[in-house]
Amino acid sequence: YPDLTFRGDENITREQLAVILYRYAGYPDAYDFVN
């Protein structure tokens, strides 16, 4: 966070989990956005 905290006790949402894993995986191809 901007105040230099991590706030480890905060729970994450499903979309936050997806973002973390996506970054960890190296931003792989996100596939066809339409289908």
PDB file of all heavy atoms in Angstrom:
ATOM      1  N   TYR A   1       0.833  -1.204   0.000  1.00  0.00           N
ATOM      2  CA  TYR A   1       0.000   0.000   0.000  1.00  0.00           C
ATOM      3  C   TYR A   1       0.873   1.260   0.000  1.00  0.00           C
ATOM      4  O   TYR A   1       2.047   1.209   0.364  1.00  0.00           O
ATOM      5  CB  TYR A   1      -0.925  -0.010   1.220  1.00  0.00           C
ATOM      6  CG  TYR A   1      -2.058  -1.007   1.072  1.00  0.00           C
ATOM      7  CD1 TYR A   1      -1.906  -2.333   1.467  1.00  0.00           C
ATOM      8  CD2 TYR A   1      -3.267  -0.624   0.508  1.00  0.00           C
ATOM      9  CE1 TYR A   1      -2.936  -3.246   1.321  1.00  0.00           C
ATOM     10  CE2 TYR A   1      -4.310  -1.528   0.357  1.00  0.00           C
ATOM     11  CZ  TYR A   1      -4.139  -2.832   0.764  1.00  0.00           C
ATOM     12  OH  TYR A   1      -5.157  -3.742   0.609  1.00  0.00           O
ATOM     13  N   PRO A   2       0.309   2.391  -0.433  1.00  0.00           N
ATOM     14  CA  PRO A   2       1.104   3.627  -0.515  1.00  0.00           C
ATOM     15  C   PRO A   2       1.744   4.041   0.803  1.00  0.00           C
ATOM     16  O   PRO A   2       2.777   4.726   0.802  1.00  0.00           O
ATOM     17  CB  PRO A   2       0.076   4.670  -0.987  1.00  0.00           C
ATOM     18  CG  PRO A   2      -0.930   3.877  -1.755  1.00  0.00           C
ATOM     19  CD  PRO A   2      -1.043   2.573  -1.002  1.00  0.00           C
ATOM     20  N   ASP A   3       1.139   3.617   1.931  1.00  0.00           N
ATOM     21  CA  ASP A   3       1.710   3.983   3.229  1.00  0.00           C
ATOM     22  C   ASP A   3       2.784   2.987   3.673  1.00  0.00           C
ATOM     23  O   ASP A   3       3.185   2.977   4.836  1.00  0.00           O
ATOM     24  CB  ASP A   3       0.621   4.101   4.286  1.00  0.00           C
ATOM     25  CG  ASP A   3      -0.114   2.782   4.522  1.00  0.00           C
ATOM     26  OD1 ASP A   3       0.179   1.796   3.805  1.00  0.00           O
ATOM     27  OD2 ASP A   3      -0.984   2.733   5.411  1.00  0.00           O
ATOM     28  N   LEU A   4       3.243   2.154   2.731  1.00  0.00           N
ATOM     29  CA  LEU A   4       4.313   1.180   2.961  1.00  0.00           C
ATOM     30  C   LEU A   4       3.898   0.039   3.892  1.00  0.00           C
ATOM     31  O   LEU A   4       4.749  -0.608   4.520  1.00  0.00           O
ATOM     32  CB  LEU A   4       5.582   1.843   3.492  1.00  0.00           C
ATOM     33  CG  LEU A   4       6.167   2.960   2.612  1.00  0.00           C
ATOM     34  CD1 LEU A   4       7.485   3.462   3.200  1.00  0.00           C
ATOM     35  CD2 LEU A   4       6.387   2.474   1.188  1.00  0.00           C
ATOM     36  N   THR A   5       2.599  -0.227   3.974  1.00  0.00           N
ATOM     37  CA  THR A   5       2.119  -1.381   4.720  1.00  0.00           C
ATOM     38  C   THR A   5       1.777  -2.503   3.752  1.00  0.00           C
ATOM     39  O   THR A   5       1.553  -2.284   2.558  1.00  0.00           O
ATOM     40  CB  THR A   5       0.874  -1.035   5.552  1.00  0.00           C
ATOM     41  OG1 THR A   5      -0.164  -0.571   4.675  1.00  0.00           O
ATOM     42  CG2 THR A   5       1.185   0.032   6.587  1.00  0.00           C
ATOM     43  N   PHE A   6       1.716  -3.723   4.286  1.00  0.00           N
ATOM     44  CA  PHE A   6       1.328  -4.880   3.486  1.00  0.00           C
ATOM     45  C   PHE A   6      -0.089  -5.344   3.819  1.00  0.00           C
ATOM     46  O   PHE A   6      -0.813  -5.797   2.955  1.00  0.00           O
ATOM     47  CB  PHE A   6       2.312  -6.028   3.715  1.00  0.00           C
ATOM     48  CG  PHE A   6       2.006  -7.221   2.854  1.00  0.00           C
ATOM     49  CD1 PHE A   6       2.247  -7.189   1.494  1.00  0.00           C
ATOM     50  CD2 PHE A   6       1.453  -8.368   3.405  1.00  0.00           C
ATOM     51  CE1 PHE A   6       1.934  -8.277   0.681  1.00  0.00           C
ATOM     52  CE2 PHE A   6       1.145  -9.475   2.604  1.00  0.00           C
ATOM     53  CZ  PHE A   6       1.388  -9.421   1.245  1.00  0.00           C
ATOM     54  N   ARG A   7      -0.477  -5.232   5.085  1.00  0.00           N
ATOM     55  CA  ARG A   7      -1.813  -5.610   5.556  1.00  0.00           C
ATOM     56  C   ARG A   7      -2.097  -7.088   5.251  1.00  0.00           C
ATOM     57  O   ARG A   7      -3.059  -7.450   4.584  1.00  0.00           O
ATOM     58  CB  ARG A   7      -2.880  -4.712   4.932  1.00  0.00           C
ATOM     59  CG  ARG A   7      -2.590  -3.225   5.158  1.00  0.00           C
ATOM     60  CD  ARG A   7      -3.624  -2.319   4.557  1.00  0.00           C
ATOM     61  NE  ARG A   7      -3.132  -0.952   4.463  1.00  0.00           N
ATOM     62  CZ  ARG A   7      -3.835   0.067   3.957  1.00  0.00           C
ATOM     63  NH1 ARG A   7      -5.066  -0.134   3.509  1.00  0.00           N
ATOM     64  NH2 ARG A   7      -3.308   1.272   3.890  1.00  0.00           N
ATOM     65  N   GLY A   8      -1.238  -7.908   5.799  1.00  0.00           N
ATOM     66  CA  GLY A   8      -1.305  -9.334   5.518  1.00  0.00           C
ATOM     67  C   GLY A   8      -2.562 -10.018   5.985  1.00  0.00           C
ATOM     68  O   GLY A   8      -2.936 -11.067   5.447  1.00  0.00           O
ATOM     69  N   ASP A   9      -3.255  -9.457   6.966  1.00  0.00           N
ATOM     70  CA  ASP A   9      -4.466 -10.088   7.485  1.00  0.00           C
ATOM     71  C   ASP A   9      -5.693  -9.826   6.614  1.00  0.00           C
ATOM     72  O   ASP A   9      -6.748 -10.428   6.845  1.00  0.00           O
ATOM     73  CB  ASP A   9      -4.752  -9.607   8.910  1.00  0.00           C
ATOM     74  CG  ASP A   9      -3.700 -10.101   9.897  1.00  0.00           C
ATOM     75  OD1 ASP A   9      -3.086 -11.156   9.624  1.00  0.00           O
ATOM     76  OD2 ASP A   9      -3.488  -9.427  10.923  1.00  0.00           O
ATOM     77  N   GLU A  10      -5.579  -8.929   5.641  1.00  0.00           N
ATOM     78  CA  GLU A  10      -6.721  -8.665   4.763  1.00  0.00           C
ATOM     79  C   GLU A  10      -6.985  -9.875   3.871  1.00  0.00           C
ATOM     80  O   GLU A  10      -6.063 -10.461   3.303  1.00  0.00           O
ATOM     81  CB  GLU A  10      -6.462  -7.441   3.888  1.00  0.00           C
ATOM     82  CG  GLU A  10      -6.535  -6.127   4.624  1.00  0.00           C
ATOM     83  CD  GLU A  10      -6.446  -4.946   3.670  1.00  0.00           C
ATOM     84  OE1 GLU A  10      -6.295  -5.174   2.444  1.00  0.00           O
ATOM     85  OE2 GLU A  10      -6.518  -3.800   4.143  1.00  0.00           O
ATOM     86  N   ASN A  11      -8.266 -10.240   3.742  1.00  0.00           N
ATOM     87  CA  ASN A  11      -8.632 -11.348   2.865  1.00  0.00           C
ATOM     88  C   ASN A  11      -8.619 -10.897   1.410  1.00  0.00           C
ATOM     89  O   ASN A  11      -8.853  -9.720   1.110  1.00  0.00           O
ATOM     90  CB  ASN A  11     -10.014 -11.871   3.233  1.00  0.00           C
ATOM     91  CG  ASN A  11     -10.028 -12.543   4.593  1.00  0.00           C
ATOM     92  OD1 ASN A  11      -9.028 -13.122   5.014  1.00  0.00           O
ATOM     93  ND2 ASN A  11     -11.143 -12.465   5.290  1.00  0.00           N
ATOM     94  N   ILE A  12      -8.351 -11.830   0.517  1.00  0.00           N
ATOM     95  CA  ILE A  12      -8.349 -11.512  -0.907  1.00  0.00           C
ATOM     96  C   ILE A  12      -9.621 -12.031  -1.564  1.00  0.00           C
ATOM     97  O   ILE A  12     -10.224 -12.995  -1.108  1.00  0.00           O
ATOM     98  CB  ILE A  12      -7.108 -12.093  -1.625  1.00  0.00           C
ATOM     99  CG1 ILE A  12      -7.070 -13.627  -1.496  1.00  0.00           C
ATOM    100  CG2 ILE A  12      -5.839 -11.479  -1.089  1.00  0.00           C
ATOM    101  CD1 ILE A  12      -5.979 -14.265  -2.323  1.00  0.00           C
ATOM    102  N   THR A  13     -10.013 -11.379  -2.642  1.00  0.00           N
ATOM    103  CA  THR A  13     -11.171 -11.800  -3.419  1.00  0.00           C
ATOM    104  C   THR A  13     -10.721 -12.740  -4.539  1.00  0.00           C
ATOM    105  O   THR A  13      -9.524 -12.894  -4.800  1.00  0.00           O
ATOM    106  CB  THR A  13     -11.876 -10.594  -4.045  1.00  0.00           C
ATOM    107  OG1 THR A  13     -10.960  -9.961  -4.967  1.00  0.00           O
ATOM    108  CG2 THR A  13     -12.281  -9.587  -2.973  1.00  0.00           C
ATOM    109  N   ARG A  14     -11.687 -13.338  -5.221  1.00  0.00           N
ATOM    110  CA  ARG A  14     -11.359 -14.219  -6.337  1.00  0.00           C
ATOM    111  C   ARG A  14     -10.638 -13.463  -7.447  1.00  0.00           C
ATOM    112  O   ARG A  14      -9.682 -13.972  -8.033  1.00  0.00           O
ATOM    113  CB  ARG A  14     -12.648 -14.870  -6.870  1.00  0.00           C
ATOM    114  CG  ARG A  14     -13.174 -15.983  -5.989  1.00  0.00           C
ATOM    115  CD  ARG A  14     -14.605 -16.339  -6.329  1.00  0.00           C
ATOM    116  NE  ARG A  14     -14.786 -16.777  -7.706  1.00  0.00           N
ATOM    117  CZ  ARG A  14     -14.636 -18.041  -8.115  1.00  0.00           C
ATOM    118  NH1 ARG A  14     -14.258 -18.976  -7.277  1.00  0.00           N
ATOM    119  NH2 ARG A  14     -14.857 -18.375  -9.377  1.00  0.00           N
ATOM    120  N   GLU A  15     -11.062 -12.233  -7.737  1.00  0.00           N
ATOM    121  CA  GLU A  15     -10.382 -11.507  -8.806  1.00  0.00           C
ATOM    122  C   GLU A  15      -8.985 -11.088  -8.389  1.00  0.00           C
ATOM    123  O   GLU A  15      -8.061 -11.062  -9.211  1.00  0.00           O
ATOM    124  CB  GLU A  15     -11.207 -10.300  -9.264  1.00  0.00           C
ATOM    125  CG  GLU A  15     -11.314  -9.163  -8.273  1.00  0.00           C
ATOM    126  CD  GLU A  15     -12.049  -7.970  -8.854  1.00  0.00           C
ATOM    127  OE1 GLU A  15     -12.633  -8.094  -9.944  1.00  0.00           O
ATOM    128  OE2 GLU A  15     -12.059  -6.898  -8.199  1.00  0.00           O
ATOM    129  N   GLN A  16      -8.788 -10.787  -7.117  1.00  0.00           N
ATOM    130  CA  GLN A  16      -7.443 -10.473  -6.641  1.00  0.00           C
ATOM    131  C   GLN A  16      -6.537 -11.696  -6.720  1.00  0.00           C
ATOM    132  O   GLN A  16      -5.368 -11.593  -7.099  1.00  0.00           O
ATOM    133  CB  GLN A  16      -7.511  -9.952  -5.205  1.00  0.00           C
ATOM    134  CG  GLN A  16      -8.114  -8.566  -5.094  1.00  0.00           C
ATOM    135  CD  GLN A  16      -8.405  -8.159  -3.666  1.00  0.00           C
ATOM    136  OE1 GLN A  16      -8.386  -8.987  -2.747  1.00  0.00           O
ATOM    137  NE2 GLN A  16      -8.677  -6.879  -3.458  1.00  0.00           N
ATOM    138  N   LEU A  17      -7.081 -12.860  -6.382  1.00  0.00           N
ATOM    139  CA  LEU A  17      -6.324 -14.101  -6.515  1.00  0.00           C
ATOM    140  C   LEU A  17      -5.925 -14.334  -7.961  1.00  0.00           C
ATOM    141  O   LEU A  17      -4.783 -14.703  -8.256  1.00  0.00           O
ATOM    142  CB  LEU A  17      -7.144 -15.279  -6.004  1.00  0.00           C
ATOM    143  CG  LEU A  17      -6.519 -16.667  -6.177  1.00  0.00           C
ATOM    144  CD1 LEU A  17      -5.206 -16.766  -5.411  1.00  0.00           C
ATOM    145  CD2 LEU A  17      -7.497 -17.758  -5.734  1.00  0.00           C
ATOM    146  N   ALA A  18      -6.854 -14.104  -8.874  1.00  0.00           N
ATOM    147  CA  ALA A  18      -6.563 -14.285 -10.301  1.00  0.00           C
ATOM    148  C   ALA A  18      -5.429 -13.370 -10.741  1.00  0.00           C
ATOM    149  O   ALA A  18      -4.521 -13.791 -11.474  1.00  0.00           O
ATOM    150  CB  ALA A  18      -7.813 -14.012 -11.136  1.00  0.00           C
ATOM    151  N   VAL A  19      -5.445 -12.136 -10.296  1.00  0.00           N
ATOM    152  CA  VAL A  19      -4.394 -11.183 -10.681  1.00  0.00           C
ATOM    153  C   VAL A  19      -3.038 -11.618 -10.137  1.00  0.00           C
ATOM    154  O   VAL A  19      -2.016 -11.579 -10.847  1.00  0.00           O
ATOM    155  CB  VAL A  19      -4.750  -9.761 -10.200  1.00  0.00           C
ATOM    156  CG1 VAL A  19      -3.569  -8.820 -10.378  1.00  0.00           C
ATOM    157  CG2 VAL A  19      -5.962  -9.236 -10.953  1.00  0.00           C
ATOM    158  N   ILE A  20      -3.005 -12.052  -8.894  1.00  0.00           N
ATOM    159  CA  ILE A  20      -1.744 -12.482  -8.286  1.00  0.00           C
ATOM    160  C   ILE A  20      -1.167 -13.679  -9.039  1.00  0.00           C
ATOM    161  O   ILE A  20       0.022 -13.715  -9.368  1.00  0.00           O
ATOM    162  CB  ILE A  20      -1.962 -12.821  -6.799  1.00  0.00           C
ATOM    163  CG1 ILE A  20      -2.311 -11.560  -6.011  1.00  0.00           C
ATOM    164  CG2 ILE A  20      -0.722 -13.491  -6.212  1.00  0.00           C
ATOM    165  CD1 ILE A  20      -2.847 -11.832  -4.618  1.00  0.00           C
ATOM    166  N   LEU A  21      -2.023 -14.661  -9.344  1.00  0.00           N
ATOM    167  CA  LEU A  21      -1.552 -15.848 -10.050  1.00  0.00           C
ATOM    168  C   LEU A  21      -1.153 -15.525 -11.483  1.00  0.00           C
ATOM    169  O   LEU A  21      -0.198 -16.098 -12.026  1.00  0.00           O
ATOM    170  CB  LEU A  21      -2.636 -16.930 -10.027  1.00  0.00           C
ATOM    171  CG  LEU A  21      -2.987 -17.475  -8.643  1.00  0.00           C
ATOM    172  CD1 LEU A  21      -4.095 -18.518  -8.761  1.00  0.00           C
ATOM    173  CD2 LEU A  21      -1.773 -18.062  -7.944  1.00  0.00           C
ATOM    174  N   TYR A  22      -1.871 -14.607 -12.104  1.00  0.00           N
ATOM    175  CA  TYR A  22      -1.560 -14.184 -13.476  1.00  0.00           C
ATOM    176  C   TYR A  22      -0.180 -13.523 -13.537  1.00  0.00           C
ATOM    177  O   TYR A  22       0.634 -13.803 -14.421  1.00  0.00           O
ATOM    178  CB  TYR A  22      -2.643 -13.230 -13.948  1.00  0.00           C
ATOM    179  CG  TYR A  22      -2.542 -12.775 -15.377  1.00  0.00           C
ATOM    180  CD1 TYR A  22      -2.530 -13.692 -16.422  1.00  0.00           C
ATOM    181  CD2 TYR A  22      -2.484 -11.420 -15.681  1.00  0.00           C
ATOM    182  CE1 TYR A  22      -2.454 -13.263 -17.744  1.00  0.00           C
ATOM    183  CE2 TYR A  22      -2.423 -10.983 -16.995  1.00  0.00           C
ATOM    184  CZ  TYR A  22      -2.404 -11.909 -18.022  1.00  0.00           C
ATOM    185  OH  TYR A  22      -2.327 -11.485 -19.326  1.00  0.00           O
ATOM    186  N   ARG A  23       0.093 -12.682 -12.569  1.00  0.00           N
ATOM    187  CA  ARG A  23       1.411 -12.032 -12.509  1.00  0.00           C
ATOM    188  C   ARG A  23       2.498 -13.069 -12.220  1.00  0.00           C
ATOM    189  O   ARG A  23       3.572 -13.037 -12.824  1.00  0.00           O
ATOM    190  CB  ARG A  23       1.409 -10.954 -11.426  1.00  0.00           C
ATOM    191  CG  ARG A  23       0.533  -9.753 -11.747  1.00  0.00           C
ATOM    192  CD  ARG A  23       0.435  -8.832 -10.535  1.00  0.00           C
ATOM    193  NE  ARG A  23      -0.352  -7.640 -10.809  1.00  0.00           N
ATOM    194  CZ  ARG A  23      -0.723  -6.761  -9.876  1.00  0.00           C
ATOM    195  NH1 ARG A  23      -0.360  -6.962  -8.612  1.00  0.00           N
ATOM    196  NH2 ARG A  23      -1.440  -5.714 -10.198  1.00  0.00           N
ATOM    197  N   TYR A  24       2.222 -13.966 -11.286  1.00  0.00           N
ATOM    198  CA  TYR A  24       3.201 -14.992 -10.936  1.00  0.00           C
ATOM    199  C   TYR A  24       3.516 -15.889 -12.129  1.00  0.00           C
ATOM    200  O   TYR A  24       4.658 -16.336 -12.311  1.00  0.00           O
ATOM    201  CB  TYR A  24       2.675 -15.826  -9.765  1.00  0.00           C
ATOM    202  CG  TYR A  24       3.578 -16.970  -9.387  1.00  0.00           C
ATOM    203  CD1 TYR A  24       4.782 -16.747  -8.718  1.00  0.00           C
ATOM    204  CD2 TYR A  24       3.228 -18.280  -9.704  1.00  0.00           C
ATOM    205  CE1 TYR A  24       5.622 -17.793  -8.382  1.00  0.00           C
ATOM    206  CE2 TYR A  24       4.061 -19.335  -9.366  1.00  0.00           C
ATOM    207  CZ  TYR A  24       5.249 -19.088  -8.695  1.00  0.00           C
ATOM    208  OH  TYR A  24       6.075 -20.138  -8.382  1.00  0.00           O
ATOM    209  N   ALA A  25       2.499 -16.153 -12.953  1.00  0.00           N
ATOM    210  CA  ALA A  25       2.680 -17.003 -14.131  1.00  0.00           C
ATOM    211  C   ALA A  25       3.395 -16.285 -15.264  1.00  0.00           C
ATOM    212  O   ALA A  25       3.664 -16.884 -16.307  1.00  0.00           O
ATOM    213  CB  ALA A  25       1.326 -17.521 -14.613  1.00  0.00           C
ATOM    214  N   GLY A  26       3.684 -15.010 -15.080  1.00  0.00           N
ATOM    215  CA  GLY A  26       4.426 -14.270 -16.095  1.00  0.00           C
ATOM    216  C   GLY A  26       3.550 -13.634 -17.156  1.00  0.00           C
ATOM    217  O   GLY A  26       3.981 -13.456 -18.293  1.00  0.00           O
ATOM    218  N   TYR A  27       2.310 -13.276 -16.809  1.00  0.00           N
ATOM    219  CA  TYR A  27       1.374 -12.644 -17.735  1.00  0.00           C
ATOM    220  C   TYR A  27       1.203 -13.484 -19.012  1.00  0.00           C
ATOM    221  O   TYR A  27       1.456 -13.011 -20.127  1.00  0.00           O
ATOM    222  CB  TYR A  27       1.843 -11.237 -18.112  1.00  0.00           C
ATOM    223  CG  TYR A  27       1.916 -10.284 -16.954  1.00  0.00           C
ATOM    224  CD1 TYR A  27       3.079 -10.186 -16.171  1.00  0.00           C
ATOM    225  CD2 TYR A  27       0.834  -9.482 -16.618  1.00  0.00           C
ATOM    226  CE1 TYR A  27       3.148  -9.316 -15.095  1.00  0.00           C
ATOM    227  CE2 TYR A  27       0.900  -8.590 -15.545  1.00  0.00           C
ATOM    228  CZ  TYR A  27       2.063  -8.517 -14.792  1.00  0.00           C
ATOM    229  OH  TYR A  27       2.131  -7.649 -13.730  1.00  0.00           O
ATOM    230  N   PRO A  28       0.763 -14.731 -18.879  1.00  0.00           N
ATOM    231  CA  PRO A  28       0.595 -15.576 -20.075  1.00  0.00           C
ATOM    232  C   PRO A  28      -0.533 -15.074 -20.960  1.00  0.00           C
ATOM    233  O   PRO A  28      -1.342 -14.229 -20.557  1.00  0.00           O
ATOM    234  CB  PRO A  28       0.258 -16.951 -19.492  1.00  0.00           C
ATOM    235  CG  PRO A  28      -0.357 -16.650 -18.166  1.00  0.00           C
ATOM    236  CD  PRO A  28       0.373 -15.441 -17.652  1.00  0.00           C
ATOM    237  N   ASP A  29      -0.587 -15.613 -22.165  1.00  0.00           N
ATOM    238  CA  ASP A  29      -1.636 -15.273 -23.118  1.00  0.00           C
ATOM    239  C   ASP A  29      -2.997 -15.451 -22.473  1.00  0.00           C
ATOM    240  O   ASP A  29      -3.306 -16.507 -21.922  1.00  0.00           O
ATOM    241  CB  ASP A  29      -1.511 -16.193 -24.345  1.00  0.00           C
ATOM    242  CG  ASP A  29      -2.478 -15.826 -25.456  1.00  0.00           C
ATOM    243  OD1 ASP A  29      -3.299 -14.915 -25.249  1.00  0.00           O
ATOM    244  OD2 ASP A  29      -2.394 -16.455 -26.526  1.00  0.00           O
ATOM    245  N   ALA A  30      -3.818 -14.426 -22.542  1.00  0.00           N
ATOM    246  CA  ALA A  30      -5.132 -14.463 -21.905  1.00  0.00           C
ATOM    247  C   ALA A  30      -6.199 -15.073 -22.802  1.00  0.00           C
ATOM    248  O   ALA A  30      -7.383 -15.028 -22.475  1.00  0.00           O
ATOM    249  CB  ALA A  30      -5.565 -13.059 -21.477  1.00  0.00           C
ATOM    250  N   TYR A  31      -5.819 -15.611 -23.949  1.00  0.00           N
ATOM    251  CA  TYR A  31      -6.730 -16.291 -24.856  1.00  0.00           C
ATOM    252  C   TYR A  31      -7.667 -15.302 -25.565  1.00  0.00           C
ATOM    253  O   TYR A  31      -7.550 -14.109 -25.431  1.00  0.00           O
ATOM    254  CB  TYR A  31      -7.529 -17.375 -24.124  1.00  0.00           C
ATOM    255  CG  TYR A  31      -6.674 -18.410 -23.451  1.00  0.00           C
ATOM    256  CD1 TYR A  31      -6.289 -18.268 -22.119  1.00  0.00           C
ATOM    257  CD2 TYR A  31      -6.222 -19.520 -24.152  1.00  0.00           C
ATOM    258  CE1 TYR A  31      -5.489 -19.220 -21.502  1.00  0.00           C
ATOM    259  CE2 TYR A  31      -5.423 -20.479 -23.544  1.00  0.00           C
ATOM    260  CZ  TYR A  31      -5.059 -20.315 -22.224  1.00  0.00           C
ATOM    261  OH  TYR A  31      -4.267 -21.248 -21.621  1.00  0.00           O
ATOM    262  N   ASP A  32      -8.602 -15.867 -26.269  1.00  0.00           N
ATOM    263  CA  ASP A  32      -9.566 -15.085 -27.054  1.00  0.00           C
ATOM    264  C   ASP A  32     -10.573 -14.433 -26.109  1.00  0.00           C
ATOM    265  O   ASP A  32     -11.349 -15.108 -25.446  1.00  0.00           O
ATOM    266  CB  ASP A  32     -10.272 -16.023 -28.042  1.00  0.00           C
ATOM    267  CG  ASP A  32     -11.202 -15.275 -28.977  1.00  0.00           C
ATOM    268  OD1 ASP A  32     -11.509 -14.098 -28.705  1.00  0.00           O
ATOM    269  OD2 ASP A  32     -11.614 -15.875 -29.978  1.00  0.00           O
ATOM    270  N   PHE A  33     -10.565 -13.111 -26.047  1.00  0.00           N
ATOM    271  CA  PHE A  33     -11.454 -12.416 -25.129  1.00  0.00           C
ATOM    272  C   PHE A  33     -12.926 -12.574 -25.495  1.00  0.00           C
ATOM    273  O   PHE A  33     -13.805 -12.403 -24.671  1.00  0.00           O
ATOM    274  CB  PHE A  33     -11.119 -10.914 -25.098  1.00  0.00           C
ATOM    275  CG  PHE A  33      -9.864 -10.600 -24.349  1.00  0.00           C
ATOM    276  CD1 PHE A  33      -9.102 -11.597 -23.761  1.00  0.00           C
ATOM    277  CD2 PHE A  33      -9.443  -9.294 -24.228  1.00  0.00           C
ATOM    278  CE1 PHE A  33      -7.943 -11.292 -23.070  1.00  0.00           C
ATOM    279  CE2 PHE A  33      -8.285  -8.969 -23.537  1.00  0.00           C
ATOM    280  CZ  PHE A  33      -7.534  -9.976 -22.962  1.00  0.00           C
ATOM    281  N   VAL A  34     -13.207 -12.870 -26.758  1.00  0.00           N
ATOM    282  CA  VAL A  34     -14.600 -12.958 -27.195  1.00  0.00           C
ATOM    283  C   VAL A  34     -15.205 -14.301 -26.823  1.00  0.00           C
ATOM    284  O   VAL A  34     -16.286 -14.389 -26.251  1.00  0.00           O
ATOM    285  CB  VAL A  34     -14.706 -12.721 -28.715  1.00  0.00           C
ATOM    286  CG1 VAL A  34     -16.148 -12.917 -29.177  1.00  0.00           C
ATOM    287  CG2 VAL A  34     -14.215 -11.326 -29.069  1.00  0.00           C
ATOM    288  N   ASN A  35     -14.496 -15.385 -27.129  1.00  0.00           N
ATOM    289  CA  ASN A  35     -15.030 -16.720 -26.904  1.00  0.00           C
ATOM    290  C   ASN A  35     -14.572 -17.278 -25.558  1.00  0.00           C
ATOM    291  O   ASN A  35     -13.917 -18.301 -25.473  1.00  0.00           O
ATOM    292  CB  ASN A  35     -14.577 -17.658 -28.032  1.00  0.00           C
ATOM    293  CG  ASN A  35     -15.078 -17.187 -29.377  1.00  0.00           C
ATOM    294  OD1 ASN A  35     -16.247 -16.871 -29.532  1.00  0.00           O
ATOM    295  ND2 ASN A  35     -14.182 -17.138 -30.358  1.00  0.00           N
TER     296      ASN A  35
END
